[in-house]
Every structure is written in C-alpha cells, then in structure tokens.
Amino acid sequence: MLKLTTQEFEEAVGDALDAVPAELLNLMDNVVFLVEDEPPSDDPDLLGIYDGTPLTERDGGWAAGALPDRITIFRGPTLRMCATREEVLDEVAVTVVHEIAHHFGIDDDRLRELGWD
C-alpha cells in the first residue's frame, strides 16, 4: 500500500479544494470538509461521503440553527486503491468534486453521465 501521512493526505484534499473554481465554492453553503482514515465498516471501499441536505432540497428557513453539512474524504481506501502519489492526487480531486456535486443535488447517475464516476 502506498504511504502518505495524514498531513500529506490532508494537503492533497486542500489542493483539490483549491482547484475548484472560487465561483463554485462561493455558492456552497454551510459545509465543512473532513479527512478520516477509514469509512464506516459496512462500506470499507468508500472514498468519500456527503452528509447533509443538498441545496436543491433546502427551503427558505432551512439553515436556521442547522449543523453544517459534512464532506468526508477517506484516506485508507484511497491509498489502498492507488499505486502512485499522482494517482492519489487525481483520485482525491475526483472524489472532492464528486462530493461537492452531491451538495448541489447532483446524484451518482448524473455524475456517471458526466464522466465523474
């Protein structure tokens, strides 16, 4: 398995976020990004997850007192599936975009149609 420290992996997630156009990030509302070592045990190959209410499902009073949505990127499965540091950087970038898309209400089927699977 490829070795990347937690800090190096977090920096890769930060770099992926830096590559997202500012106009898009500015449209995101009440979202935090997290890095965890492993996903839930019932889905050990999960690379990332969006946990929240997509913008397309929010009503005018939704955010009052709401906890932030969470986008979590998982280090372990990403490192296990990638052979090189470059592959990790590419996979993290794709995973970040994929989870941001869920925040905007884009489902997995549409992401596949767009080539982001």
C-alpha atoms as a PDB file:
ATOM      1  CA  MET A   1       0.000   0.000   0.000  1.00  0.00           C
ATOM      2  CA  LEU A   2       1.177   3.485  -0.872  1.00  0.00           C
ATOM      3  CA  LYS A   3       2.333   5.520   2.141  1.00  0.00           C
ATOM      4  CA  LEU A   4       1.112   9.082   2.594  1.00  0.00           C
ATOM      5  CA  THR A   5       0.995  10.666   6.024  1.00  0.00           C
ATOM      6  CA  THR A   6      -2.247  12.088   7.322  1.00  0.00           C
ATOM      7  CA  GLN A   7      -0.827  15.581   6.821  1.00  0.00           C
ATOM      8  CA  GLU A   8       0.191  14.829   3.220  1.00  0.00           C
ATOM      9  CA  PHE A   9      -3.265  13.427   2.502  1.00  0.00           C
ATOM     10  CA  GLU A  10      -4.961  16.449   4.095  1.00  0.00           C
ATOM     11  CA  GLU A  11      -2.771  18.685   1.919  1.00  0.00           C
ATOM     12  CA  ALA A  12      -3.927  16.711  -1.151  1.00  0.00           C
ATOM     13  CA  VAL A  13      -7.554  17.376  -0.155  1.00  0.00           C
ATOM     14  CA  GLY A  14      -6.702  21.061   0.340  1.00  0.00           C
ATOM     15  CA  ASP A  15      -5.055  21.194  -3.082  1.00  0.00           C
ATOM     16  CA  ALA A  16      -8.138  19.580  -4.625  1.00  0.00           C
ATOM     17  CA  LEU A  17     -10.324  22.225  -2.986  1.00  0.00           C
ATOM     18  CA  ASP A  18      -8.001  24.969  -4.220  1.00  0.00           C
ATOM     19  CA  ALA A  19      -8.525  23.662  -7.761  1.00  0.00           C
ATOM     20  CA  VAL A  20     -12.324  24.056  -7.521  1.00  0.00           C
ATOM     21  CA  PRO A  21     -13.361  27.369  -9.103  1.00  0.00           C
ATOM     22  CA  ALA A  22     -13.945  30.050  -6.478  1.00  0.00           C
ATOM     23  CA  GLU A  23     -17.311  30.857  -8.057  1.00  0.00           C
ATOM     24  CA  LEU A  24     -18.472  27.333  -7.266  1.00  0.00           C
ATOM     25  CA  LEU A  25     -17.083  27.290  -3.727  1.00  0.00           C
ATOM     26  CA  ASN A  26     -18.791  30.625  -3.058  1.00  0.00           C
ATOM     27  CA  LEU A  27     -22.145  29.006  -3.873  1.00  0.00           C
ATOM     28  CA  MET A  28     -21.639  26.323  -1.223  1.00  0.00           C
ATOM     29  CA  ASP A  29     -23.491  26.957   1.998  1.00  0.00           C
ATOM     30  CA  ASN A  30     -22.806  25.647   5.486  1.00  0.00           C
ATOM     31  CA  VAL A  31     -20.367  22.839   4.569  1.00  0.00           C
ATOM     32  CA  VAL A  32     -17.250  21.548   6.315  1.00  0.00           C
ATOM     33  CA  PHE A  33     -14.617  19.264   4.780  1.00  0.00           C
ATOM     34  CA  LEU A  34     -13.126  16.477   6.878  1.00  0.00           C
ATOM     35  CA  VAL A  35     -10.498  13.788   6.369  1.00  0.00           C
ATOM     36  CA  GLU A  36     -10.832  10.479   8.190  1.00  0.00           C
ATOM     37  CA  ASP A  37      -8.666   7.390   7.984  1.00  0.00           C
ATOM     38  CA  GLU A  38     -11.407   4.841   7.354  1.00  0.00           C
ATOM     39  CA  PRO A  39     -15.033   4.821   6.216  1.00  0.00           C
ATOM     40  CA  PRO A  40     -17.821   3.029   8.094  1.00  0.00           C
ATOM     41  CA  SER A  41     -17.171  -0.704   8.373  1.00  0.00           C
ATOM     42  CA  ASP A  42     -20.227  -1.516   6.245  1.00  0.00           C
ATOM     43  CA  ASP A  43     -18.647   0.245   3.221  1.00  0.00           C
ATOM     44  CA  PRO A  44     -14.856  -0.261   3.517  1.00  0.00           C
ATOM     45  CA  ASP A  45     -14.084   0.915  -0.045  1.00  0.00           C
ATOM     46  CA  LEU A  46     -15.900   4.251   0.267  1.00  0.00           C
ATOM     47  CA  LEU A  47     -13.619   7.114  -0.822  1.00  0.00           C
ATOM     48  CA  GLY A  48     -15.808   9.991   0.276  1.00  0.00           C
ATOM     49  CA  ILE A  49     -19.264  10.855   1.507  1.00  0.00           C
ATOM     50  CA  TYR A  50     -21.558  13.857   1.566  1.00  0.00           C
ATOM     51  CA  ASP A  51     -23.707  14.012   4.687  1.00  0.00           C
ATOM     52  CA  GLY A  52     -26.233  16.815   4.619  1.00  0.00           C
ATOM     53  CA  THR A  53     -29.140  18.425   2.843  1.00  0.00           C
ATOM     54  CA  PRO A  54     -28.448  19.243  -0.816  1.00  0.00           C
ATOM     55  CA  LEU A  55     -29.079  22.828  -1.851  1.00  0.00           C
ATOM     56  CA  THR A  56     -31.884  21.631  -4.130  1.00  0.00           C
ATOM     57  CA  GLU A  57     -33.797  20.295  -1.092  1.00  0.00           C
ATOM     58  CA  ARG A  58     -33.451  23.291   1.222  1.00  0.00           C
ATOM     59  CA  ASP A  59     -36.272  25.705   1.845  1.00  0.00           C
ATOM     60  CA  GLY A  60     -36.027  29.348   2.895  1.00  0.00           C
ATOM     61  CA  GLY A  61     -35.840  28.647   6.637  1.00  0.00           C
ATOM     62  CA  TRP A  62     -33.654  25.568   6.426  1.00  0.00           C
ATOM     63  CA  ALA A  63     -30.345  26.920   7.750  1.00  0.00           C
ATOM     64  CA  ALA A  64     -31.647  28.470  10.960  1.00  0.00           C
ATOM     65  CA  GLY A  65     -29.648  26.594  13.594  1.00  0.00           C
ATOM     66  CA  ALA A  66     -28.689  23.732  11.267  1.00  0.00           C
ATOM     67  CA  LEU A  67     -25.403  21.944  11.768  1.00  0.00           C
ATOM     68  CA  PRO A  68     -23.103  22.212   8.767  1.00  0.00           C
ATOM     69  CA  ASP A  69     -23.204  19.599   6.041  1.00  0.00           C
ATOM     70  CA  ARG A  70     -20.115  17.381   6.033  1.00  0.00           C
ATOM     71  CA  ILE A  71     -17.982  16.177   3.176  1.00  0.00           C
ATOM     72  CA  THR A  72     -15.596  13.496   4.387  1.00  0.00           C
ATOM     73  CA  ILE A  73     -12.723  12.094   2.328  1.00  0.00           C
ATOM     74  CA  PHE A  74     -11.336   8.732   3.466  1.00  0.00           C
ATOM     75  CA  ARG A  75      -7.590   8.203   3.413  1.00  0.00           C
ATOM     76  CA  GLY A  76      -7.320   4.404   3.817  1.00  0.00           C
ATOM     77  CA  PRO A  77      -9.335   3.206   0.822  1.00  0.00           C
ATOM     78  CA  THR A  78      -7.841   5.899  -1.399  1.00  0.00           C
ATOM     79  CA  LEU A  79      -4.296   4.825  -0.554  1.00  0.00           C
ATOM     80  CA  ARG A  80      -5.175   1.134  -0.971  1.00  0.00           C
ATOM     81  CA  MET A  81      -6.558   1.650  -4.496  1.00  0.00           C
ATOM     82  CA  CYS A  82      -3.763   3.907  -5.787  1.00  0.00           C
ATOM     83  CA  ALA A  83      -0.265   2.787  -6.763  1.00  0.00           C
ATOM     84  CA  THR A  84       1.381   6.210  -7.027  1.00  0.00           C
ATOM     85  CA  ARG A  85       1.207   9.611  -5.380  1.00  0.00           C
ATOM     86  CA  GLU A  86      -0.078  11.048  -8.667  1.00  0.00           C
ATOM     87  CA  GLU A  87      -2.947   8.557  -8.683  1.00  0.00           C
ATOM     88  CA  VAL A  88      -3.821   9.609  -5.119  1.00  0.00           C
ATOM     89  CA  LEU A  89      -3.863  13.278  -6.109  1.00  0.00           C
ATOM     90  CA  ASP A  90      -6.085  12.521  -9.109  1.00  0.00           C
ATOM     91  CA  GLU A  91      -8.447  10.305  -7.113  1.00  0.00           C
ATOM     92  CA  VAL A  92      -8.744  12.850  -4.287  1.00  0.00           C
ATOM     93  CA  ALA A  93      -9.547  15.584  -6.818  1.00  0.00           C
ATOM     94  CA  VAL A  94     -12.274  13.440  -8.418  1.00  0.00           C
ATOM     95  CA  THR A  95     -13.696  12.453  -5.014  1.00  0.00           C
ATOM     96  CA  VAL A  96     -13.817  16.073  -3.816  1.00  0.00           C
ATOM     97  CA  VAL A  97     -15.667  17.163  -6.979  1.00  0.00           C
ATOM     98  CA  HIS A  98     -17.996  14.157  -6.683  1.00  0.00           C
ATOM     99  CA  GLU A  99     -18.982  15.016  -3.096  1.00  0.00           C
ATOM    100  CA  ILE A 100     -19.351  18.732  -3.865  1.00  0.00           C
ATOM    101  CA  ALA A 101     -21.718  17.734  -6.677  1.00  0.00           C
ATOM    102  CA  HIS A 102     -23.898  15.920  -4.137  1.00  0.00           C
ATOM    103  CA  HIS A 103     -24.108  19.164  -2.132  1.00  0.00           C
ATOM    104  CA  PHE A 104     -25.575  20.768  -5.265  1.00  0.00           C
ATOM    105  CA  GLY A 105     -28.095  17.932  -5.639  1.00  0.00           C
ATOM    106  CA  ILE A 106     -26.367  16.018  -8.441  1.00  0.00           C
ATOM    107  CA  ASP A 107     -26.834  12.273  -7.972  1.00  0.00           C
ATOM    108  CA  ASP A 108     -24.491   9.400  -8.855  1.00  0.00           C
ATOM    109  CA  ASP A 109     -26.333   8.534 -12.077  1.00  0.00           C
ATOM    110  CA  ARG A 110     -25.907  12.081 -13.401  1.00  0.00           C
ATOM    111  CA  LEU A 111     -22.252  12.145 -12.317  1.00  0.00           C
ATOM    112  CA  ARG A 112     -21.674   8.931 -14.308  1.00  0.00           C
ATOM    113  CA  GLU A 113     -23.314  10.549 -17.341  1.00  0.00           C
ATOM    114  CA  LEU A 114     -20.915  13.465 -16.942  1.00  0.00           C
ATOM    115  CA  GLY A 115     -17.901  11.128 -16.646  1.00  0.00           C
ATOM    116  CA  TRP A 116     -17.240  11.644 -12.915  1.00  0.00           C
ATOM    117  CA  ASP A 117     -17.600   8.043 -11.721  1.00  0.00           C
END
